[in-house]
Amino acid sequence: MPADWAGDRELRHAAGIPQDLKFATKPQLAAEIITGLLAEGRCPPWVTGDEVYGRDAKLRTFLEERRTGYVLKIPCSFRITLPTGQKMRADHAARLVPAAAWQTTRHYLHWSWWRRRHQARARWFHQRARLRRQPSP
């Protein structure tokens, strides 16, 4: 549900959106899904996400507290804190890493396949979570 619909009773009624359904950001929905998967003992050892998820400090903290690994995209301009405490843009920090420390692979097609496969599974889990939240008739 779009954020601007959350407070519009008439629009929610016209669209058939239950009044008890609250607005949640994508990272909040991700945390809810992961919480459910952890409760079921079916959470993967790590998760991936785009910049929407990578920018969300609460989601990163949530994952770290639950010892769930993550690879979340961040924009180049994102400010990170180095182990020394120094803060800088992510692209500037990446330039500090020696060339020998980077690993490259020719298997980018494998990554593309893996990502598509797991994004489809994530959509399935999301739909399942939505169905669980819907009241029974």
N, C-alpha and C. Protein backbone atom coordinates (compact mmCIF):
# COMPACT_ATOMS: atom_id res chain seq x y z
N MET A 1 0.85 -1.16 0.00
CA MET A 1 0.00 0.00 0.00
C MET A 1 0.90 1.23 0.00
N PRO A 2 0.65 2.17 -0.90
CA PRO A 2 1.44 3.41 -0.90
C PRO A 2 1.24 4.19 0.41
N ALA A 3 2.29 4.87 0.84
CA ALA A 3 2.25 5.61 2.10
C ALA A 3 1.13 6.63 2.14
N ASP A 4 0.87 7.30 1.01
CA ASP A 4 -0.16 8.34 1.02
C ASP A 4 -1.57 7.76 1.12
N TRP A 5 -1.74 6.48 0.88
CA TRP A 5 -3.04 5.85 1.05
C TRP A 5 -3.32 5.51 2.51
N ALA A 6 -2.27 5.33 3.30
CA ALA A 6 -2.42 4.84 4.68
C ALA A 6 -3.36 5.70 5.51
N GLY A 7 -3.31 7.01 5.34
CA GLY A 7 -4.14 7.89 6.16
C GLY A 7 -5.44 8.33 5.50
N ASP A 8 -5.73 7.83 4.31
CA ASP A 8 -6.93 8.24 3.57
C ASP A 8 -8.01 7.17 3.70
N ARG A 9 -8.92 7.36 4.66
CA ARG A 9 -9.95 6.35 4.94
C ARG A 9 -10.83 6.06 3.73
N GLU A 10 -11.23 7.10 3.01
CA GLU A 10 -12.11 6.92 1.85
C GLU A 10 -11.41 6.10 0.76
N LEU A 11 -10.18 6.44 0.48
CA LEU A 11 -9.43 5.73 -0.55
C LEU A 11 -9.21 4.28 -0.15
N ARG A 12 -8.89 4.05 1.12
CA ARG A 12 -8.70 2.68 1.59
C ARG A 12 -9.99 1.88 1.45
N HIS A 13 -11.11 2.50 1.82
CA HIS A 13 -12.40 1.82 1.72
C HIS A 13 -12.71 1.49 0.26
N ALA A 14 -12.51 2.47 -0.63
CA ALA A 14 -12.81 2.27 -2.05
C ALA A 14 -11.93 1.17 -2.66
N ALA A 15 -10.70 1.06 -2.18
CA ALA A 15 -9.77 0.06 -2.70
C ALA A 15 -9.90 -1.28 -1.99
N GLY A 16 -10.72 -1.34 -0.94
CA GLY A 16 -10.91 -2.58 -0.21
C GLY A 16 -9.74 -2.93 0.70
N ILE A 17 -9.02 -1.91 1.16
CA ILE A 17 -7.88 -2.14 2.05
C ILE A 17 -8.38 -2.12 3.48
N PRO A 18 -8.18 -3.21 4.22
CA PRO A 18 -8.66 -3.26 5.61
C PRO A 18 -8.05 -2.14 6.45
N GLN A 19 -8.83 -1.61 7.37
CA GLN A 19 -8.37 -0.52 8.22
C GLN A 19 -7.23 -0.95 9.15
N ASP A 20 -7.17 -2.24 9.48
CA ASP A 20 -6.12 -2.70 10.40
C ASP A 20 -4.78 -2.94 9.69
N LEU A 21 -4.75 -2.87 8.36
CA LEU A 21 -3.50 -3.02 7.62
C LEU A 21 -2.74 -1.70 7.68
N LYS A 22 -1.54 -1.74 8.21
CA LYS A 22 -0.74 -0.54 8.40
C LYS A 22 0.31 -0.41 7.31
N PHE A 23 0.72 0.82 7.03
CA PHE A 23 1.79 1.06 6.07
C PHE A 23 3.11 0.55 6.64
N ALA A 24 3.93 -0.04 5.80
CA ALA A 24 5.27 -0.48 6.19
C ALA A 24 6.20 -0.26 5.00
N THR A 25 7.42 0.15 5.28
CA THR A 25 8.41 0.32 4.23
C THR A 25 8.89 -1.05 3.77
N LYS A 26 9.58 -1.09 2.64
CA LYS A 26 10.13 -2.35 2.16
C LYS A 26 11.07 -2.98 3.19
N PRO A 27 11.98 -2.21 3.79
CA PRO A 27 12.84 -2.82 4.81
C PRO A 27 12.05 -3.36 6.01
N GLN A 28 10.98 -2.68 6.40
CA GLN A 28 10.16 -3.18 7.51
C GLN A 28 9.48 -4.49 7.12
N LEU A 29 9.00 -4.55 5.87
CA LEU A 29 8.39 -5.80 5.40
C LEU A 29 9.42 -6.92 5.34
N ALA A 30 10.64 -6.59 4.91
CA ALA A 30 11.70 -7.61 4.86
C ALA A 30 11.98 -8.15 6.26
N ALA A 31 12.07 -7.27 7.25
CA ALA A 31 12.32 -7.71 8.63
C ALA A 31 11.18 -8.61 9.11
N GLU A 32 9.96 -8.28 8.73
CA GLU A 32 8.81 -9.10 9.13
C GLU A 32 8.89 -10.49 8.50
N ILE A 33 9.24 -10.54 7.23
CA ILE A 33 9.35 -11.83 6.53
C ILE A 33 10.47 -12.66 7.14
N ILE A 34 11.62 -12.02 7.40
CA ILE A 34 12.77 -12.74 7.97
C ILE A 34 12.44 -13.23 9.38
N THR A 35 11.72 -12.44 10.15
CA THR A 35 11.30 -12.87 11.48
C THR A 35 10.47 -14.14 11.39
N GLY A 36 9.54 -14.16 10.43
CA GLY A 36 8.72 -15.36 10.23
C GLY A 36 9.54 -16.57 9.82
N LEU A 37 10.49 -16.36 8.91
CA LEU A 37 11.34 -17.46 8.46
C LEU A 37 12.21 -17.99 9.60
N LEU A 38 12.73 -17.08 10.41
CA LEU A 38 13.54 -17.50 11.57
C LEU A 38 12.69 -18.32 12.53
N ALA A 39 11.45 -17.88 12.77
CA ALA A 39 10.55 -18.61 13.69
C ALA A 39 10.26 -20.01 13.16
N GLU A 40 10.22 -20.15 11.84
CA GLU A 40 9.96 -21.45 11.22
C GLU A 40 11.23 -22.27 11.05
N GLY A 41 12.38 -21.66 11.37
CA GLY A 41 13.65 -22.36 11.19
C GLY A 41 14.04 -22.51 9.74
N ARG A 42 13.55 -21.60 8.89
CA ARG A 42 13.80 -21.72 7.45
C ARG A 42 14.48 -20.50 6.86
N CYS A 43 15.10 -19.68 7.69
CA CYS A 43 15.75 -18.48 7.18
C CYS A 43 17.07 -18.86 6.50
N PRO A 44 17.34 -18.32 5.32
CA PRO A 44 18.63 -18.61 4.68
C PRO A 44 19.77 -17.99 5.49
N PRO A 45 20.99 -18.47 5.30
CA PRO A 45 22.11 -17.94 6.09
C PRO A 45 22.44 -16.49 5.74
N TRP A 46 22.02 -16.01 4.55
CA TRP A 46 22.24 -14.61 4.20
C TRP A 46 21.19 -14.16 3.20
N VAL A 47 21.03 -12.86 3.11
CA VAL A 47 20.02 -12.27 2.23
C VAL A 47 20.67 -11.19 1.37
N THR A 48 20.01 -10.81 0.29
CA THR A 48 20.48 -9.75 -0.58
C THR A 48 19.39 -8.70 -0.74
N GLY A 49 19.78 -7.51 -1.15
CA GLY A 49 18.80 -6.45 -1.40
C GLY A 49 19.42 -5.28 -2.14
N ASP A 50 18.56 -4.46 -2.71
CA ASP A 50 19.03 -3.29 -3.44
C ASP A 50 19.23 -2.11 -2.50
N GLU A 51 19.41 -0.92 -3.07
CA GLU A 51 19.73 0.27 -2.27
C GLU A 51 18.64 0.63 -1.26
N VAL A 52 17.40 0.32 -1.56
CA VAL A 52 16.32 0.62 -0.62
C VAL A 52 16.60 -0.08 0.71
N TYR A 53 17.07 -1.31 0.65
CA TYR A 53 17.36 -2.08 1.85
C TYR A 53 18.73 -1.70 2.44
N GLY A 54 19.71 -1.47 1.57
CA GLY A 54 21.06 -1.15 2.02
C GLY A 54 21.16 0.16 2.78
N ARG A 55 20.30 1.10 2.47
CA ARG A 55 20.32 2.40 3.15
C ARG A 55 19.68 2.36 4.53
N ASP A 56 18.98 1.30 4.83
CA ASP A 56 18.21 1.23 6.07
C ASP A 56 19.04 0.66 7.21
N ALA A 57 19.50 1.53 8.10
CA ALA A 57 20.35 1.10 9.23
C ALA A 57 19.62 0.15 10.16
N LYS A 58 18.32 0.34 10.33
CA LYS A 58 17.57 -0.54 11.22
C LYS A 58 17.53 -1.97 10.69
N LEU A 59 17.40 -2.11 9.37
CA LEU A 59 17.38 -3.45 8.79
C LEU A 59 18.75 -4.11 8.95
N ARG A 60 19.82 -3.36 8.68
CA ARG A 60 21.16 -3.93 8.85
C ARG A 60 21.39 -4.37 10.29
N THR A 61 20.98 -3.54 11.24
CA THR A 61 21.13 -3.88 12.66
C THR A 61 20.29 -5.12 12.99
N PHE A 62 19.07 -5.15 12.48
CA PHE A 62 18.18 -6.29 12.68
C PHE A 62 18.85 -7.57 12.21
N LEU A 63 19.44 -7.55 11.02
CA LEU A 63 20.10 -8.74 10.47
C LEU A 63 21.32 -9.13 11.29
N GLU A 64 22.11 -8.14 11.68
CA GLU A 64 23.32 -8.43 12.47
C GLU A 64 22.96 -9.02 13.83
N GLU A 65 21.92 -8.51 14.47
CA GLU A 65 21.51 -9.04 15.77
C GLU A 65 21.05 -10.48 15.67
N ARG A 66 20.55 -10.87 14.51
CA ARG A 66 20.07 -12.24 14.31
C ARG A 66 21.10 -13.11 13.61
N ARG A 67 22.30 -12.57 13.45
CA ARG A 67 23.41 -13.28 12.83
C ARG A 67 23.05 -13.80 11.44
N THR A 68 22.28 -12.99 10.71
CA THR A 68 21.93 -13.30 9.33
C THR A 68 22.84 -12.47 8.44
N GLY A 69 23.62 -13.13 7.60
CA GLY A 69 24.50 -12.41 6.69
C GLY A 69 23.70 -11.63 5.66
N TYR A 70 24.32 -10.62 5.10
CA TYR A 70 23.61 -9.84 4.09
C TYR A 70 24.58 -9.22 3.09
N VAL A 71 24.07 -9.05 1.88
CA VAL A 71 24.74 -8.28 0.84
C VAL A 71 23.69 -7.30 0.36
N LEU A 72 23.83 -6.05 0.81
CA LEU A 72 22.85 -5.02 0.48
C LEU A 72 23.55 -3.91 -0.28
N LYS A 73 23.00 -3.57 -1.42
CA LYS A 73 23.59 -2.53 -2.25
C LYS A 73 23.46 -1.17 -1.57
N ILE A 74 24.48 -0.34 -1.75
CA ILE A 74 24.44 1.03 -1.24
C ILE A 74 24.89 1.95 -2.37
N PRO A 75 24.44 3.19 -2.37
CA PRO A 75 24.92 4.12 -3.39
C PRO A 75 26.38 4.51 -3.12
N CYS A 76 27.08 4.93 -4.16
CA CYS A 76 28.48 5.36 -4.00
C CYS A 76 28.61 6.48 -2.98
N SER A 77 27.61 7.33 -2.90
CA SER A 77 27.67 8.49 -2.00
C SER A 77 27.35 8.13 -0.55
N PHE A 78 26.98 6.89 -0.29
CA PHE A 78 26.63 6.45 1.06
C PHE A 78 27.83 6.61 1.98
N ARG A 79 27.63 7.19 3.15
CA ARG A 79 28.73 7.41 4.09
C ARG A 79 28.84 6.20 5.01
N ILE A 80 30.05 5.65 5.05
CA ILE A 80 30.30 4.48 5.90
C ILE A 80 31.33 4.85 6.97
N THR A 81 31.38 4.03 8.01
CA THR A 81 32.36 4.23 9.07
C THR A 81 33.38 3.10 8.98
N LEU A 82 34.63 3.45 8.84
CA LEU A 82 35.72 2.47 8.78
C LEU A 82 36.01 1.94 10.18
N PRO A 83 36.70 0.82 10.28
CA PRO A 83 37.05 0.28 11.61
C PRO A 83 37.82 1.29 12.48
N THR A 84 38.51 2.23 11.84
CA THR A 84 39.26 3.26 12.59
C THR A 84 38.36 4.34 13.15
N GLY A 85 37.09 4.33 12.73
CA GLY A 85 36.15 5.36 13.16
C GLY A 85 36.00 6.48 12.14
N GLN A 86 36.88 6.51 11.15
CA GLN A 86 36.81 7.54 10.12
C GLN A 86 35.59 7.30 9.24
N LYS A 87 34.89 8.38 8.86
CA LYS A 87 33.71 8.29 8.01
C LYS A 87 34.05 8.83 6.63
N MET A 88 33.56 8.13 5.61
CA MET A 88 33.78 8.59 4.25
C MET A 88 32.77 7.95 3.31
N ARG A 89 32.73 8.47 2.09
CA ARG A 89 31.85 7.91 1.07
C ARG A 89 32.29 6.48 0.75
N ALA A 90 31.33 5.64 0.38
CA ALA A 90 31.63 4.24 0.08
C ALA A 90 32.59 4.11 -1.10
N ASP A 91 32.42 4.91 -2.14
CA ASP A 91 33.31 4.81 -3.29
C ASP A 91 34.74 5.22 -2.94
N HIS A 92 34.91 6.18 -2.04
CA HIS A 92 36.25 6.57 -1.61
C HIS A 92 36.88 5.46 -0.75
N ALA A 93 36.08 4.82 0.08
CA ALA A 93 36.60 3.73 0.91
C ALA A 93 37.02 2.56 0.03
N ALA A 94 36.27 2.29 -1.02
CA ALA A 94 36.61 1.18 -1.91
C ALA A 94 37.97 1.40 -2.57
N ARG A 95 38.31 2.64 -2.84
CA ARG A 95 39.61 2.96 -3.45
C ARG A 95 40.78 2.68 -2.50
N LEU A 96 40.51 2.60 -1.20
CA LEU A 96 41.57 2.32 -0.22
C LEU A 96 41.98 0.86 -0.20
N VAL A 97 41.13 -0.01 -0.74
CA VAL A 97 41.40 -1.44 -0.73
C VAL A 97 42.45 -1.74 -1.80
N PRO A 98 43.53 -2.41 -1.43
CA PRO A 98 44.57 -2.73 -2.43
C PRO A 98 44.01 -3.60 -3.55
N ALA A 99 44.51 -3.39 -4.74
CA ALA A 99 44.04 -4.13 -5.92
C ALA A 99 44.12 -5.64 -5.71
N ALA A 100 45.17 -6.10 -5.02
CA ALA A 100 45.35 -7.53 -4.79
C ALA A 100 44.27 -8.13 -3.90
N ALA A 101 43.56 -7.30 -3.15
CA ALA A 101 42.53 -7.79 -2.25
C ALA A 101 41.20 -8.05 -2.95
N TRP A 102 41.02 -7.49 -4.14
CA TRP A 102 39.77 -7.68 -4.88
C TRP A 102 39.79 -9.01 -5.60
N GLN A 103 38.65 -9.66 -5.64
CA GLN A 103 38.52 -10.90 -6.40
C GLN A 103 37.51 -10.67 -7.50
N THR A 104 37.82 -11.12 -8.69
CA THR A 104 36.88 -11.01 -9.80
C THR A 104 36.54 -12.41 -10.26
N THR A 105 35.45 -12.50 -10.94
CA THR A 105 35.01 -13.80 -11.44
C THR A 105 34.41 -13.63 -12.82
N ARG A 106 34.49 -14.67 -13.60
CA ARG A 106 33.87 -14.65 -14.92
C ARG A 106 32.48 -15.28 -14.85
N HIS A 107 32.07 -15.63 -13.67
CA HIS A 107 30.80 -16.35 -13.52
C HIS A 107 29.65 -15.42 -13.20
N TYR A 108 29.62 -14.25 -13.84
CA TYR A 108 28.55 -13.31 -13.55
C TYR A 108 27.20 -13.84 -14.01
N LEU A 109 27.18 -14.71 -15.00
CA LEU A 109 25.90 -15.28 -15.44
C LEU A 109 25.33 -16.19 -14.35
N HIS A 110 26.21 -16.89 -13.63
CA HIS A 110 25.74 -17.71 -12.52
C HIS A 110 25.08 -16.82 -11.47
N TRP A 111 25.70 -15.68 -11.15
CA TRP A 111 25.12 -14.75 -10.18
C TRP A 111 23.75 -14.27 -10.65
N SER A 112 23.65 -13.95 -11.93
CA SER A 112 22.38 -13.48 -12.47
C SER A 112 21.31 -14.55 -12.32
N TRP A 113 21.67 -15.80 -12.63
CA TRP A 113 20.71 -16.90 -12.47
C TRP A 113 20.32 -17.04 -11.02
N TRP A 114 21.30 -17.05 -10.11
CA TRP A 114 21.02 -17.22 -8.69
C TRP A 114 20.10 -16.12 -8.19
N ARG A 115 20.39 -14.88 -8.58
CA ARG A 115 19.59 -13.76 -8.12
C ARG A 115 18.14 -13.90 -8.59
N ARG A 116 17.93 -14.23 -9.87
CA ARG A 116 16.56 -14.38 -10.38
C ARG A 116 15.83 -15.49 -9.62
N ARG A 117 16.52 -16.60 -9.39
CA ARG A 117 15.90 -17.73 -8.69
C ARG A 117 15.47 -17.33 -7.28
N HIS A 118 16.35 -16.64 -6.57
CA HIS A 118 16.06 -16.30 -5.19
C HIS A 118 15.13 -15.10 -5.05
N GLN A 119 15.11 -14.20 -6.04
CA GLN A 119 14.14 -13.12 -6.00
C GLN A 119 12.73 -13.69 -6.16
N ALA A 120 12.59 -14.68 -7.03
CA ALA A 120 11.28 -15.32 -7.20
C ALA A 120 10.85 -15.98 -5.89
N ARG A 121 11.79 -16.62 -5.20
CA ARG A 121 11.47 -17.26 -3.92
C ARG A 121 11.10 -16.22 -2.87
N ALA A 122 11.81 -15.09 -2.88
CA ALA A 122 11.50 -14.01 -1.94
C ALA A 122 10.10 -13.48 -2.20
N ARG A 123 9.71 -13.35 -3.47
CA ARG A 123 8.35 -12.91 -3.78
C ARG A 123 7.33 -13.91 -3.25
N TRP A 124 7.65 -15.23 -3.38
CA TRP A 124 6.74 -16.26 -2.88
C TRP A 124 6.57 -16.11 -1.37
N PHE A 125 7.69 -15.93 -0.64
CA PHE A 125 7.61 -15.76 0.81
C PHE A 125 6.81 -14.51 1.17
N HIS A 126 7.00 -13.44 0.40
CA HIS A 126 6.27 -12.19 0.66
C HIS A 126 4.78 -12.41 0.48
N GLN A 127 4.39 -13.09 -0.60
CA GLN A 127 2.97 -13.36 -0.85
C GLN A 127 2.40 -14.23 0.27
N ARG A 128 3.19 -15.21 0.70
CA ARG A 128 2.76 -16.11 1.78
C ARG A 128 2.54 -15.32 3.07
N ALA A 129 3.46 -14.39 3.36
CA ALA A 129 3.33 -13.58 4.56
C ALA A 129 2.09 -12.70 4.48
N ARG A 130 1.82 -12.16 3.30
CA ARG A 130 0.63 -11.32 3.13
C ARG A 130 -0.64 -12.14 3.36
N LEU A 131 -0.65 -13.36 2.83
CA LEU A 131 -1.82 -14.22 3.00
C LEU A 131 -2.06 -14.56 4.47
N ARG A 132 -0.98 -14.78 5.23
CA ARG A 132 -1.11 -15.09 6.66
C ARG A 132 -1.72 -13.93 7.43
N ARG A 133 -1.43 -12.70 6.97
CA ARG A 133 -1.92 -11.52 7.69
C ARG A 133 -3.38 -11.22 7.38
N GLN A 134 -3.90 -11.75 6.28
CA GLN A 134 -5.28 -11.46 5.89
C GLN A 134 -6.24 -12.22 6.79
N PRO A 135 -7.28 -11.51 7.26
CA PRO A 135 -8.26 -12.19 8.13
C PRO A 135 -9.07 -13.23 7.35
N SER A 136 -9.44 -14.29 8.02
CA SER A 136 -10.25 -15.34 7.41
C SER A 136 -11.68 -14.83 7.25
N PRO A 137 -12.37 -15.25 6.17
CA PRO A 137 -13.77 -14.80 5.97
C PRO A 137 -14.72 -15.41 6.97
